[in-house]
Amino acid sequence: MDLKSNSIVLNYEQWYFAVMDEFAETHTKEDCDDCSGDGEFECDCCGHIADCKTCDGDGFVFVDTSGRLAYPPQRNKREHRLYIIRTFLRLAKFTGRSYFKQCKEALKLYSYPLGGSL
């Protein structure tokens, strides 16, 4: 199986956006009530301006279907590696074959610079 040309796993960038797209399908993006969508707030005592803690300075939040505040899933390199491992484990369970070598190859292929593999 040539992982570079015909991959069954998404590279980090594709996976990142796929996770966010899936989250966005079930959640609504709204202006943050605490900062009125500005992403900042002014301290009442000293006038200092800081990023809004509710929306992390983005100016928007996500809410679920019941209207409760929801946070997007983790989207970091570690989670991407777990996604790769889970994909190959599901494939092995489905086919009854071991895909250890292909999984190992995929993890090497998607190793990350600046600190190496996670």
PDB file of N, CA and C in Angstrom:
ATOM      1  N   MET A   1       0.850  -1.178   0.000  1.00  0.00           N
ATOM      2  CA  MET A   1       0.000   0.000   0.000  1.00  0.00           C
ATOM      3  C   MET A   1       0.892   1.236   0.000  1.00  0.00           C
ATOM      4  N   ASP A   2       0.775   2.045  -1.020  1.00  0.00           N
ATOM      5  CA  ASP A   2       1.554   3.272  -1.120  1.00  0.00           C
ATOM      6  C   ASP A   2       0.760   4.400  -0.463  1.00  0.00           C
ATOM      7  N   LEU A   3       1.182   4.809   0.722  1.00  0.00           N
ATOM      8  CA  LEU A   3       0.419   5.794   1.486  1.00  0.00           C
ATOM      9  C   LEU A   3       0.476   7.192   0.897  1.00  0.00           C
ATOM     10  N   LYS A   4       1.522   7.498   0.143  1.00  0.00           N
ATOM     11  CA  LYS A   4       1.636   8.852  -0.398  1.00  0.00           C
ATOM     12  C   LYS A   4       0.644   9.098  -1.527  1.00  0.00           C
ATOM     13  N   SER A   5       0.425   8.091  -2.382  1.00  0.00           N
ATOM     14  CA  SER A   5      -0.419   8.320  -3.546  1.00  0.00           C
ATOM     15  C   SER A   5      -1.870   7.908  -3.336  1.00  0.00           C
ATOM     16  N   ASN A   6      -2.104   6.914  -2.500  1.00  0.00           N
ATOM     17  CA  ASN A   6      -3.464   6.406  -2.316  1.00  0.00           C
ATOM     18  C   ASN A   6      -3.699   6.149  -0.837  1.00  0.00           C
ATOM     19  N   SER A   7      -3.829   7.195  -0.079  1.00  0.00           N
ATOM     20  CA  SER A   7      -3.877   7.079   1.362  1.00  0.00           C
ATOM     21  C   SER A   7      -5.294   6.840   1.881  1.00  0.00           C
ATOM     22  N   ILE A   8      -5.376   6.006   2.902  1.00  0.00           N
ATOM     23  CA  ILE A   8      -6.671   5.815   3.554  1.00  0.00           C
ATOM     24  C   ILE A   8      -6.795   6.729   4.769  1.00  0.00           C
ATOM     25  N   VAL A   9      -5.735   7.450   5.083  1.00  0.00           N
ATOM     26  CA  VAL A   9      -5.782   8.417   6.179  1.00  0.00           C
ATOM     27  C   VAL A   9      -5.561   9.821   5.616  1.00  0.00           C
ATOM     28  N   LEU A  10      -6.135  10.780   6.272  1.00  0.00           N
ATOM     29  CA  LEU A  10      -5.977  12.178   5.867  1.00  0.00           C
ATOM     30  C   LEU A  10      -4.687  12.746   6.427  1.00  0.00           C
ATOM     31  N   ASN A  11      -4.050  13.629   5.661  1.00  0.00           N
ATOM     32  CA  ASN A  11      -2.895  14.317   6.226  1.00  0.00           C
ATOM     33  C   ASN A  11      -3.403  15.299   7.283  1.00  0.00           C
ATOM     34  N   TYR A  12      -2.484  15.907   8.013  1.00  0.00           N
ATOM     35  CA  TYR A  12      -2.888  16.746   9.147  1.00  0.00           C
ATOM     36  C   TYR A  12      -3.839  17.871   8.738  1.00  0.00           C
ATOM     37  N   GLU A  13      -3.519  18.567   7.674  1.00  0.00           N
ATOM     38  CA  GLU A  13      -4.338  19.705   7.250  1.00  0.00           C
ATOM     39  C   GLU A  13      -5.745  19.253   6.845  1.00  0.00           C
ATOM     40  N   GLN A  14      -5.821  18.175   6.060  1.00  0.00           N
ATOM     41  CA  GLN A  14      -7.134  17.652   5.653  1.00  0.00           C
ATOM     42  C   GLN A  14      -7.933  17.212   6.875  1.00  0.00           C
ATOM     43  N   TRP A  15      -7.273  16.511   7.784  1.00  0.00           N
ATOM     44  CA  TRP A  15      -7.934  16.026   8.994  1.00  0.00           C
ATOM     45  C   TRP A  15      -8.430  17.185   9.851  1.00  0.00           C
ATOM     46  N   TYR A  16      -7.598  18.215  10.030  1.00  0.00           N
ATOM     47  CA  TYR A  16      -7.946  19.383  10.836  1.00  0.00           C
ATOM     48  C   TYR A  16      -9.251  20.004  10.346  1.00  0.00           C
ATOM     49  N   PHE A  17      -9.338  20.238   9.033  1.00  0.00           N
ATOM     50  CA  PHE A  17     -10.535  20.868   8.490  1.00  0.00           C
ATOM     51  C   PHE A  17     -11.726  19.920   8.494  1.00  0.00           C
ATOM     52  N   ALA A  18     -11.491  18.628   8.337  1.00  0.00           N
ATOM     53  CA  ALA A  18     -12.583  17.651   8.397  1.00  0.00           C
ATOM     54  C   ALA A  18     -13.200  17.613   9.799  1.00  0.00           C
ATOM     55  N   VAL A  19     -12.359  17.679  10.827  1.00  0.00           N
ATOM     56  CA  VAL A  19     -12.848  17.697  12.210  1.00  0.00           C
ATOM     57  C   VAL A  19     -13.689  18.949  12.445  1.00  0.00           C
ATOM     58  N   MET A  20     -13.200  20.086  11.979  1.00  0.00           N
ATOM     59  CA  MET A  20     -13.950  21.333  12.171  1.00  0.00           C
ATOM     60  C   MET A  20     -15.241  21.352  11.361  1.00  0.00           C
ATOM     61  N   ASP A  21     -15.220  20.819  10.138  1.00  0.00           N
ATOM     62  CA  ASP A  21     -16.435  20.772   9.320  1.00  0.00           C
ATOM     63  C   ASP A  21     -17.492  19.898   9.977  1.00  0.00           C
ATOM     64  N   GLU A  22     -17.071  18.755  10.507  1.00  0.00           N
ATOM     65  CA  GLU A  22     -18.007  17.849  11.177  1.00  0.00           C
ATOM     66  C   GLU A  22     -18.602  18.522  12.420  1.00  0.00           C
ATOM     67  N   PHE A  23     -17.761  19.222  13.171  1.00  0.00           N
ATOM     68  CA  PHE A  23     -18.233  19.935  14.363  1.00  0.00           C
ATOM     69  C   PHE A  23     -19.207  21.039  13.965  1.00  0.00           C
ATOM     70  N   ALA A  24     -18.899  21.771  12.901  1.00  0.00           N
ATOM     71  CA  ALA A  24     -19.745  22.883  12.456  1.00  0.00           C
ATOM     72  C   ALA A  24     -21.111  22.411  11.964  1.00  0.00           C
ATOM     73  N   GLU A  25     -21.200  21.168  11.487  1.00  0.00           N
ATOM     74  CA  GLU A  25     -22.482  20.637  11.030  1.00  0.00           C
ATOM     75  C   GLU A  25     -23.476  20.465  12.169  1.00  0.00           C
ATOM     76  N   THR A  26     -22.982  20.226  13.365  1.00  0.00           N
ATOM     77  CA  THR A  26     -23.871  19.968  14.499  1.00  0.00           C
ATOM     78  C   THR A  26     -23.902  21.101  15.516  1.00  0.00           C
ATOM     79  N   HIS A  27     -23.175  22.172  15.247  1.00  0.00           N
ATOM     80  CA  HIS A  27     -23.128  23.304  16.168  1.00  0.00           C
ATOM     81  C   HIS A  27     -23.283  24.608  15.390  1.00  0.00           C
ATOM     82  N   THR A  28     -23.800  25.607  16.065  1.00  0.00           N
ATOM     83  CA  THR A  28     -24.029  26.903  15.450  1.00  0.00           C
ATOM     84  C   THR A  28     -23.001  27.908  15.958  1.00  0.00           C
ATOM     85  N   LYS A  29     -22.490  28.714  15.052  1.00  0.00           N
ATOM     86  CA  LYS A  29     -21.521  29.753  15.392  1.00  0.00           C
ATOM     87  C   LYS A  29     -22.293  31.042  15.670  1.00  0.00           C
ATOM     88  N   GLU A  30     -22.078  31.635  16.843  1.00  0.00           N
ATOM     89  CA  GLU A  30     -22.775  32.860  17.230  1.00  0.00           C
ATOM     90  C   GLU A  30     -21.791  33.862  17.803  1.00  0.00           C
ATOM     91  N   ASP A  31     -22.164  35.147  17.740  1.00  0.00           N
ATOM     92  CA  ASP A  31     -21.339  36.172  18.378  1.00  0.00           C
ATOM     93  C   ASP A  31     -21.304  35.915  19.882  1.00  0.00           C
ATOM     94  N   CYS A  32     -20.156  36.147  20.467  1.00  0.00           N
ATOM     95  CA  CYS A  32     -19.990  35.964  21.904  1.00  0.00           C
ATOM     96  C   CYS A  32     -20.788  37.045  22.642  1.00  0.00           C
ATOM     97  N   ASP A  33     -21.607  36.638  23.589  1.00  0.00           N
ATOM     98  CA  ASP A  33     -22.415  37.588  24.356  1.00  0.00           C
ATOM     99  C   ASP A  33     -21.559  38.423  25.308  1.00  0.00           C
ATOM    100  N   ASP A  34     -20.482  37.835  25.821  1.00  0.00           N
ATOM    101  CA  ASP A  34     -19.668  38.543  26.812  1.00  0.00           C
ATOM    102  C   ASP A  34     -18.896  39.710  26.230  1.00  0.00           C
ATOM    103  N   CYS A  35     -18.509  39.626  24.940  1.00  0.00           N
ATOM    104  CA  CYS A  35     -17.719  40.710  24.335  1.00  0.00           C
ATOM    105  C   CYS A  35     -18.445  41.342  23.147  1.00  0.00           C
ATOM    106  N   SER A  36     -19.676  40.952  22.915  1.00  0.00           N
ATOM    107  CA  SER A  36     -20.492  41.452  21.801  1.00  0.00           C
ATOM    108  C   SER A  36     -19.826  41.204  20.445  1.00  0.00           C
ATOM    109  N   GLY A  37     -19.049  40.147  20.355  1.00  0.00           N
ATOM    110  CA  GLY A  37     -18.419  39.787  19.088  1.00  0.00           C
ATOM    111  C   GLY A  37     -17.119  40.510  18.798  1.00  0.00           C
ATOM    112  N   ASP A  38     -16.633  41.323  19.735  1.00  0.00           N
ATOM    113  CA  ASP A  38     -15.376  42.062  19.527  1.00  0.00           C
ATOM    114  C   ASP A  38     -14.142  41.209  19.819  1.00  0.00           C
ATOM    115  N   GLY A  39     -14.284  40.233  20.678  1.00  0.00           N
ATOM    116  CA  GLY A  39     -13.144  39.411  21.069  1.00  0.00           C
ATOM    117  C   GLY A  39     -12.333  40.020  22.190  1.00  0.00           C
ATOM    118  N   GLU A  40     -12.720  41.200  22.634  1.00  0.00           N
ATOM    119  CA  GLU A  40     -11.997  41.884  23.706  1.00  0.00           C
ATOM    120  C   GLU A  40     -12.987  42.432  24.723  1.00  0.00           C
ATOM    121  N   PHE A  41     -12.488  42.678  25.918  1.00  0.00           N
ATOM    122  CA  PHE A  41     -13.297  43.362  26.916  1.00  0.00           C
ATOM    123  C   PHE A  41     -12.419  44.342  27.672  1.00  0.00           C
ATOM    124  N   GLU A  42     -13.051  45.329  28.231  1.00  0.00           N
ATOM    125  CA  GLU A  42     -12.334  46.356  28.994  1.00  0.00           C
ATOM    126  C   GLU A  42     -12.621  46.151  30.468  1.00  0.00           C
ATOM    127  N   CYS A  43     -11.565  46.103  31.255  1.00  0.00           N
ATOM    128  CA  CYS A  43     -11.697  45.933  32.700  1.00  0.00           C
ATOM    129  C   CYS A  43     -12.405  47.159  33.288  1.00  0.00           C
ATOM    130  N   ASP A  44     -13.404  46.942  34.122  1.00  0.00           N
ATOM    131  CA  ASP A  44     -14.158  48.039  34.746  1.00  0.00           C
ATOM    132  C   ASP A  44     -13.296  48.831  35.724  1.00  0.00           C
ATOM    133  N   CYS A  45     -12.329  48.182  36.334  1.00  0.00           N
ATOM    134  CA  CYS A  45     -11.508  48.840  37.362  1.00  0.00           C
ATOM    135  C   CYS A  45     -10.403  49.718  36.776  1.00  0.00           C
ATOM    136  N   CYS A  46      -9.638  49.148  35.834  1.00  0.00           N
ATOM    137  CA  CYS A  46      -8.442  49.865  35.374  1.00  0.00           C
ATOM    138  C   CYS A  46      -8.487  50.261  33.903  1.00  0.00           C
ATOM    139  N   GLY A  47      -9.478  49.777  33.162  1.00  0.00           N
ATOM    140  CA  GLY A  47      -9.587  50.122  31.758  1.00  0.00           C
ATOM    141  C   GLY A  47      -8.688  49.296  30.840  1.00  0.00           C
ATOM    142  N   HIS A  48      -8.018  48.322  31.399  1.00  0.00           N
ATOM    143  CA  HIS A  48      -7.143  47.446  30.611  1.00  0.00           C
ATOM    144  C   HIS A  48      -7.985  46.625  29.628  1.00  0.00           C
ATOM    145  N   ILE A  49      -7.507  46.520  28.384  1.00  0.00           N
ATOM    146  CA  ILE A  49      -8.215  45.733  27.371  1.00  0.00           C
ATOM    147  C   ILE A  49      -7.517  44.391  27.237  1.00  0.00           C
ATOM    148  N   ALA A  50      -8.313  43.322  27.283  1.00  0.00           N
ATOM    149  CA  ALA A  50      -7.769  41.958  27.193  1.00  0.00           C
ATOM    150  C   ALA A  50      -8.677  41.112  26.323  1.00  0.00           C
ATOM    151  N   ASP A  51      -8.148  39.970  25.881  1.00  0.00           N
ATOM    152  CA  ASP A  51      -8.961  39.023  25.116  1.00  0.00           C
ATOM    153  C   ASP A  51     -10.089  38.491  25.986  1.00  0.00           C
ATOM    154  N   CYS A  52     -11.221  38.310  25.365  1.00  0.00           N
ATOM    155  CA  CYS A  52     -12.370  37.740  26.055  1.00  0.00           C
ATOM    156  C   CYS A  52     -12.048  36.298  26.442  1.00  0.00           C
ATOM    157  N   LYS A  53     -12.328  35.925  27.677  1.00  0.00           N
ATOM    158  CA  LYS A  53     -12.025  34.577  28.138  1.00  0.00           C
ATOM    159  C   LYS A  53     -13.058  33.560  27.655  1.00  0.00           C
ATOM    160  N   THR A  54     -14.248  33.999  27.360  1.00  0.00           N
ATOM    161  CA  THR A  54     -15.288  33.082  26.901  1.00  0.00           C
ATOM    162  C   THR A  54     -15.005  32.575  25.498  1.00  0.00           C
ATOM    163  N   CYS A  55     -14.594  33.476  24.599  1.00  0.00           N
ATOM    164  CA  CYS A  55     -14.370  33.101  23.191  1.00  0.00           C
ATOM    165  C   CYS A  55     -12.895  33.060  22.819  1.00  0.00           C
ATOM    166  N   ASP A  56     -11.999  33.248  23.793  1.00  0.00           N
ATOM    167  CA  ASP A  56     -10.551  33.270  23.560  1.00  0.00           C
ATOM    168  C   ASP A  56     -10.144  34.337  22.548  1.00  0.00           C
ATOM    169  N   GLY A  57     -10.879  35.424  22.496  1.00  0.00           N
ATOM    170  CA  GLY A  57     -10.536  36.530  21.609  1.00  0.00           C
ATOM    171  C   GLY A  57     -11.015  36.364  20.181  1.00  0.00           C
ATOM    172  N   ASP A  58     -11.769  35.297  19.903  1.00  0.00           N
ATOM    173  CA  ASP A  58     -12.253  35.055  18.539  1.00  0.00           C
ATOM    174  C   ASP A  58     -13.472  35.919  18.190  1.00  0.00           C
ATOM    175  N   GLY A  59     -14.255  36.281  19.192  1.00  0.00           N
ATOM    176  CA  GLY A  59     -15.462  37.068  18.938  1.00  0.00           C
ATOM    177  C   GLY A  59     -16.694  36.212  18.688  1.00  0.00           C
ATOM    178  N   PHE A  60     -16.516  34.910  18.620  1.00  0.00           N
ATOM    179  CA  PHE A  60     -17.649  34.011  18.409  1.00  0.00           C
ATOM    180  C   PHE A  60     -17.502  32.764  19.270  1.00  0.00           C
ATOM    181  N   VAL A  61     -18.626  32.130  19.499  1.00  0.00           N
ATOM    182  CA  VAL A  61     -18.658  30.866  20.237  1.00  0.00           C
ATOM    183  C   VAL A  61     -19.527  29.889  19.461  1.00  0.00           C
ATOM    184  N   PHE A  62     -19.430  28.626  19.799  1.00  0.00           N
ATOM    185  CA  PHE A  62     -20.295  27.609  19.222  1.00  0.00           C
ATOM    186  C   PHE A  62     -21.305  27.181  20.272  1.00  0.00           C
ATOM    187  N   VAL A  63     -22.528  26.948  19.831  1.00  0.00           N
ATOM    188  CA  VAL A  63     -23.555  26.425  20.725  1.00  0.00           C
ATOM    189  C   VAL A  63     -24.136  25.163  20.096  1.00  0.00           C
ATOM    190  N   ASP A  64     -24.567  24.242  20.961  1.00  0.00           N
ATOM    191  CA  ASP A  64     -25.158  23.013  20.449  1.00  0.00           C
ATOM    192  C   ASP A  64     -26.660  23.229  20.219  1.00  0.00           C
ATOM    193  N   THR A  65     -27.347  22.183  19.852  1.00  0.00           N
ATOM    194  CA  THR A  65     -28.773  22.305  19.508  1.00  0.00           C
ATOM    195  C   THR A  65     -29.631  22.728  20.694  1.00  0.00           C
ATOM    196  N   SER A  66     -29.143  22.499  21.920  1.00  0.00           N
ATOM    197  CA  SER A  66     -29.916  22.915  23.098  1.00  0.00           C
ATOM    198  C   SER A  66     -29.571  24.338  23.536  1.00  0.00           C
ATOM    199  N   GLY A  67     -28.649  24.998  22.813  1.00  0.00           N
ATOM    200  CA  GLY A  67     -28.278  26.375  23.134  1.00  0.00           C
ATOM    201  C   GLY A  67     -27.145  26.499  24.135  1.00  0.00           C
ATOM    202  N   ARG A  68     -26.560  25.382  24.539  1.00  0.00           N
ATOM    203  CA  ARG A  68     -25.445  25.419  25.485  1.00  0.00           C
ATOM    204  C   ARG A  68     -24.125  25.658  24.757  1.00  0.00           C
ATOM    205  N   LEU A  69     -23.218  26.322  25.437  1.00  0.00           N
ATOM    206  CA  LEU A  69     -21.890  26.607  24.903  1.00  0.00           C
ATOM    207  C   LEU A  69     -21.159  25.293  24.638  1.00  0.00           C
ATOM    208  N   ALA A  70     -20.538  25.181  23.466  1.00  0.00           N
ATOM    209  CA  ALA A  70     -19.807  23.964  23.091  1.00  0.00           C
ATOM    210  C   ALA A  70     -18.426  24.354  22.587  1.00  0.00           C
ATOM    211  N   TYR A  71     -17.451  23.537  22.887  1.00  0.00           N
ATOM    212  CA  TYR A  71     -16.083  23.812  22.462  1.00  0.00           C
ATOM    213  C   TYR A  71     -15.667  22.804  21.398  1.00  0.00           C
ATOM    214  N   PRO A  72     -14.982  23.260  20.361  1.00  0.00           N
ATOM    215  CA  PRO A  72     -14.523  22.344  19.303  1.00  0.00           C
ATOM    216  C   PRO A  72     -13.599  21.273  19.874  1.00  0.00           C
ATOM    217  N   PRO A  73     -13.551  20.109  19.236  1.00  0.00           N
ATOM    218  CA  PRO A  73     -12.655  19.046  19.707  1.00  0.00           C
ATOM    219  C   PRO A  73     -11.187  19.433  19.542  1.00  0.00           C
ATOM    220  N   GLN A  74     -10.331  18.746  20.281  1.00  0.00           N
ATOM    221  CA  GLN A  74      -8.893  18.987  20.170  1.00  0.00           C
ATOM    222  C   GLN A  74      -8.445  18.732  18.741  1.00  0.00           C
ATOM    223  N   ARG A  75      -7.601  19.624  18.219  1.00  0.00           N
ATOM    224  CA  ARG A  75      -7.098  19.475  16.845  1.00  0.00           C
ATOM    225  C   ARG A  75      -5.595  19.703  16.850  1.00  0.00           C
ATOM    226  N   ASN A  76      -4.884  18.800  17.478  1.00  0.00           N
ATOM    227  CA  ASN A  76      -3.434  18.954  17.543  1.00  0.00           C
ATOM    228  C   ASN A  76      -2.750  17.733  16.938  1.00  0.00           C
ATOM    229  N   LYS A  77      -1.443  17.767  16.880  1.00  0.00           N
ATOM    230  CA  LYS A  77      -0.675  16.685  16.245  1.00  0.00           C
ATOM    231  C   LYS A  77      -0.896  15.350  16.956  1.00  0.00           C
ATOM    232  N   ARG A  78      -1.007  15.380  18.271  1.00  0.00           N
ATOM    233  CA  ARG A  78      -1.236  14.142  19.021  1.00  0.00           C
ATOM    234  C   ARG A  78      -2.565  13.513  18.622  1.00  0.00           C
ATOM    235  N   GLU A  79      -3.608  14.310  18.515  1.00  0.00           N
ATOM    236  CA  GLU A  79      -4.928  13.800  18.124  1.00  0.00           C
ATOM    237  C   GLU A  79      -4.912  13.262  16.694  1.00  0.00           C
ATOM    238  N   HIS A  80      -4.116  13.883  15.825  1.00  0.00           N
ATOM    239  CA  HIS A  80      -4.001  13.385  14.456  1.00  0.00           C
ATOM    240  C   HIS A  80      -3.357  11.999  14.443  1.00  0.00           C
ATOM    241  N   ARG A  81      -2.325  11.816  15.252  1.00  0.00           N
ATOM    242  CA  ARG A  81      -1.683  10.497  15.340  1.00  0.00           C
ATOM    243  C   ARG A  81      -2.663   9.456  15.881  1.00  0.00           C
ATOM    244  N   LEU A  82      -3.461   9.819  16.867  1.00  0.00           N
ATOM    245  CA  LEU A  82      -4.469   8.889  17.396  1.00  0.00           C
ATOM    246  C   LEU A  82      -5.504   8.544  16.327  1.00  0.00           C
ATOM    247  N   TYR A  83      -5.874   9.520  15.511  1.00  0.00           N
ATOM    248  CA  TYR A  83      -6.794   9.276  14.398  1.00  0.00           C
ATOM    249  C   TYR A  83      -6.209   8.229  13.441  1.00  0.00           C
ATOM    250  N   ILE A  84      -4.901   8.348  13.122  1.00  0.00           N
ATOM    251  CA  ILE A  84      -4.248   7.392  12.224  1.00  0.00           C
ATOM    252  C   ILE A  84      -4.295   5.984  12.824  1.00  0.00           C
ATOM    253  N   ILE A  85      -3.938   5.870  14.084  1.00  0.00           N
ATOM    254  CA  ILE A  85      -3.931   4.571  14.756  1.00  0.00           C
ATOM    255  C   ILE A  85      -5.339   3.974  14.785  1.00  0.00           C
ATOM    256  N   ARG A  86      -6.327   4.773  15.152  1.00  0.00           N
ATOM    257  CA  ARG A  86      -7.714   4.269  15.206  1.00  0.00           C
ATOM    258  C   ARG A  86      -8.206   3.829  13.830  1.00  0.00           C
ATOM    259  N   THR A  87      -7.809   4.547  12.790  1.00  0.00           N
ATOM    260  CA  THR A  87      -8.217   4.184  11.435  1.00  0.00           C
ATOM    261  C   THR A  87      -7.700   2.795  11.067  1.00  0.00           C
ATOM    262  N   PHE A  88      -6.424   2.547  11.351  1.00  0.00           N
ATOM    263  CA  PHE A  88      -5.854   1.242  11.030  1.00  0.00           C
ATOM    264  C   PHE A  88      -6.401   0.137  11.935  1.00  0.00           C
ATOM    265  N   LEU A  89      -6.706   0.456  13.186  1.00  0.00           N
ATOM    266  CA  LEU A  89      -7.316  -0.543  14.067  1.00  0.00           C
ATOM    267  C   LEU A  89      -8.706  -0.932  13.572  1.00  0.00           C
ATOM    268  N   ARG A  90      -9.492   0.053  13.130  1.00  0.00           N
ATOM    269  CA  ARG A  90     -10.819  -0.250  12.576  1.00  0.00           C
ATOM    270  C   ARG A  90     -10.709  -1.093  11.313  1.00  0.00           C
ATOM    271  N   LEU A  91      -9.745  -0.758  10.477  1.00  0.00           N
ATOM    272  CA  LEU A  91      -9.536  -1.518   9.249  1.00  0.00           C
ATOM    273  C   LEU A  91      -9.150  -2.960   9.571  1.00  0.00           C
ATOM    274  N   ALA A  92      -8.272  -3.154  10.550  1.00  0.00           N
ATOM    275  CA  ALA A  92      -7.865  -4.498  10.951  1.00  0.00           C
ATOM    276  C   ALA A  92      -9.047  -5.282  11.515  1.00  0.00           C
ATOM    277  N   LYS A  93      -9.861  -4.637  12.313  1.00  0.00           N
ATOM    278  CA  LYS A  93     -11.035  -5.311  12.881  1.00  0.00           C
ATOM    279  C   LYS A  93     -12.018  -5.699  11.777  1.00  0.00           C
ATOM    280  N   PHE A  94     -12.187  -4.826  10.813  1.00  0.00           N
ATOM    281  CA  PHE A  94     -13.123  -5.081   9.715  1.00  0.00           C
ATOM    282  C   PHE A  94     -12.649  -6.204   8.800  1.00  0.00           C
ATOM    283  N   THR A  95     -11.359  -6.217   8.486  1.00  0.00           N
ATOM    284  CA  THR A  95     -10.836  -7.186   7.518  1.00  0.00           C
ATOM    285  C   THR A  95     -10.268  -8.446   8.164  1.00  0.00           C
ATOM    286  N   GLY A  96      -9.972  -8.395   9.457  1.00  0.00           N
ATOM    287  CA  GLY A  96      -9.367  -9.534  10.124  1.00  0.00           C
ATOM    288  C   GLY A  96      -7.882  -9.682   9.824  1.00  0.00           C
ATOM    289  N   ARG A  97      -7.267  -8.656   9.255  1.00  0.00           N
ATOM    290  CA  ARG A  97      -5.841  -8.670   8.919  1.00  0.00           C
ATOM    291  C   ARG A  97      -5.100  -7.640   9.763  1.00  0.00           C
ATOM    292  N   SER A  98      -3.817  -7.846   9.907  1.00  0.00           N
ATOM    293  CA  SER A  98      -2.989  -6.898  10.638  1.00  0.00           C
ATOM    294  C   SER A  98      -2.484  -5.825   9.677  1.00  0.00           C
ATOM    295  N   TYR A  99      -2.574  -4.592  10.103  1.00  0.00           N
ATOM    296  CA  TYR A  99      -2.070  -3.474   9.301  1.00  0.00           C
ATOM    297  C   TYR A  99      -0.997  -2.718  10.076  1.00  0.00           C
ATOM    298  N   PHE A 100      -0.264  -3.452  10.915  1.00  0.00           N
ATOM    299  CA  PHE A 100       0.754  -2.826  11.751  1.00  0.00           C
ATOM    300  C   PHE A 100       1.807  -2.114  10.907  1.00  0.00           C
ATOM    301  N   LYS A 101       2.307  -2.773   9.855  1.00  0.00           N
ATOM    302  CA  LYS A 101       3.351  -2.171   9.020  1.00  0.00           C
ATOM    303  C   LYS A 101       2.846  -0.904   8.338  1.00  0.00           C
ATOM    304  N   GLN A 102       1.622  -0.941   7.812  1.00  0.00           N
ATOM    305  CA  GLN A 102       1.063   0.234   7.138  1.00  0.00           C
ATOM    306  C   GLN A 102       0.820   1.372   8.134  1.00  0.00           C
ATOM    307  N   CYS A 103       0.367   1.017   9.329  1.00  0.00           N
ATOM    308  CA  CYS A 103       0.140   2.039  10.357  1.00  0.00           C
ATOM    309  C   CYS A 103       1.463   2.687  10.739  1.00  0.00           C
ATOM    310  N   LYS A 104       2.483   1.853  10.934  1.00  0.00           N
ATOM    311  CA  LYS A 104       3.805   2.375  11.284  1.00  0.00           C
ATOM    312  C   LYS A 104       4.336   3.288  10.177  1.00  0.00           C
ATOM    313  N   GLU A 105       4.127   2.878   8.927  1.00  0.00           N
ATOM    314  CA  GLU A 105       4.567   3.686   7.790  1.00  0.00           C
ATOM    315  C   GLU A 105       3.828   5.032   7.756  1.00  0.00           C
ATOM    316  N   ALA A 106       2.529   4.987   8.027  1.00  0.00           N
ATOM    317  CA  ALA A 106       1.740   6.223   8.035  1.00  0.00           C
ATOM    318  C   ALA A 106       2.196   7.154   9.145  1.00  0.00           C
ATOM    319  N   LEU A 107       2.497   6.601  10.313  1.00  0.00           N
ATOM    320  CA  LEU A 107       2.961   7.435  11.418  1.00  0.00           C
ATOM    321  C   LEU A 107       4.309   8.074  11.093  1.00  0.00           C
ATOM    322  N   LYS A 108       5.168   7.347  10.378  1.00  0.00           N
ATOM    323  CA  LYS A 108       6.444   7.925   9.956  1.00  0.00           C
ATOM    324  C   LYS A 108       6.223   9.004   8.899  1.00  0.00           C
ATOM    325  N   LEU A 109       5.314   8.721   7.973  1.00  0.00           N
ATOM    326  CA  LEU A 109       5.017   9.661   6.890  1.00  0.00           C
ATOM    327  C   LEU A 109       4.499  10.984   7.441  1.00  0.00           C
ATOM    328  N   TYR A 110       3.676  10.893   8.479  1.00  0.00           N
ATOM    329  CA  TYR A 110       3.091  12.103   9.066  1.00  0.00           C
ATOM    330  C   TYR A 110       3.774  12.476  10.371  1.00  0.00           C
ATOM    331  N   SER A 111       5.084  12.246  10.455  1.00  0.00           N
ATOM    332  CA  SER A 111       5.823  12.734  11.620  1.00  0.00           C
ATOM    333  C   SER A 111       5.957  14.239  11.439  1.00  0.00           C
ATOM    334  N   TYR A 112       6.104  14.933  12.533  1.00  0.00           N
ATOM    335  CA  TYR A 112       6.018  16.382  12.497  1.00  0.00           C
ATOM    336  C   TYR A 112       7.348  17.036  12.825  1.00  0.00           C
ATOM    337  N   PRO A 113       7.725  18.072  12.063  1.00  0.00           N
ATOM    338  CA  PRO A 113       8.978  18.785  12.346  1.00  0.00           C
ATOM    339  C   PRO A 113       8.871  19.569  13.649  1.00  0.00           C
ATOM    340  N   LEU A 114       9.955  20.150  14.056  1.00  0.00           N
ATOM    341  CA  LEU A 114      10.028  20.946  15.282  1.00  0.00           C
ATOM    342  C   LEU A 114       9.620  20.101  16.486  1.00  0.00           C
ATOM    343  N   GLY A 115      10.451  19.199  16.849  1.00  0.00           N
ATOM    344  CA  GLY A 115      10.178  18.369  18.022  1.00  0.00           C
ATOM    345  C   GLY A 115       9.978  16.919  17.630  1.00  0.00           C
ATOM    346  N   GLY A 116       9.931  16.620  16.354  1.00  0.00           N
ATOM    347  CA  GLY A 116       9.831  15.236  15.916  1.00  0.00           C
ATOM    348  C   GLY A 116       8.452  14.657  16.104  1.00  0.00           C
ATOM    349  N   SER A 117       8.390  13.360  16.083  1.00  0.00           N
ATOM    350  CA  SER A 117       7.119  12.648  16.221  1.00  0.00           C
ATOM    351  C   SER A 117       6.593  12.789  17.639  1.00  0.00           C
ATOM    352  N   LEU A 118       5.286  12.856  17.751  1.00  0.00           N
ATOM    353  CA  LEU A 118       4.656  12.935  19.067  1.00  0.00           C
ATOM    354  C   LEU A 118       4.252  11.569  19.528  1.00  0.00           C
TER     355      LEU A 118
END
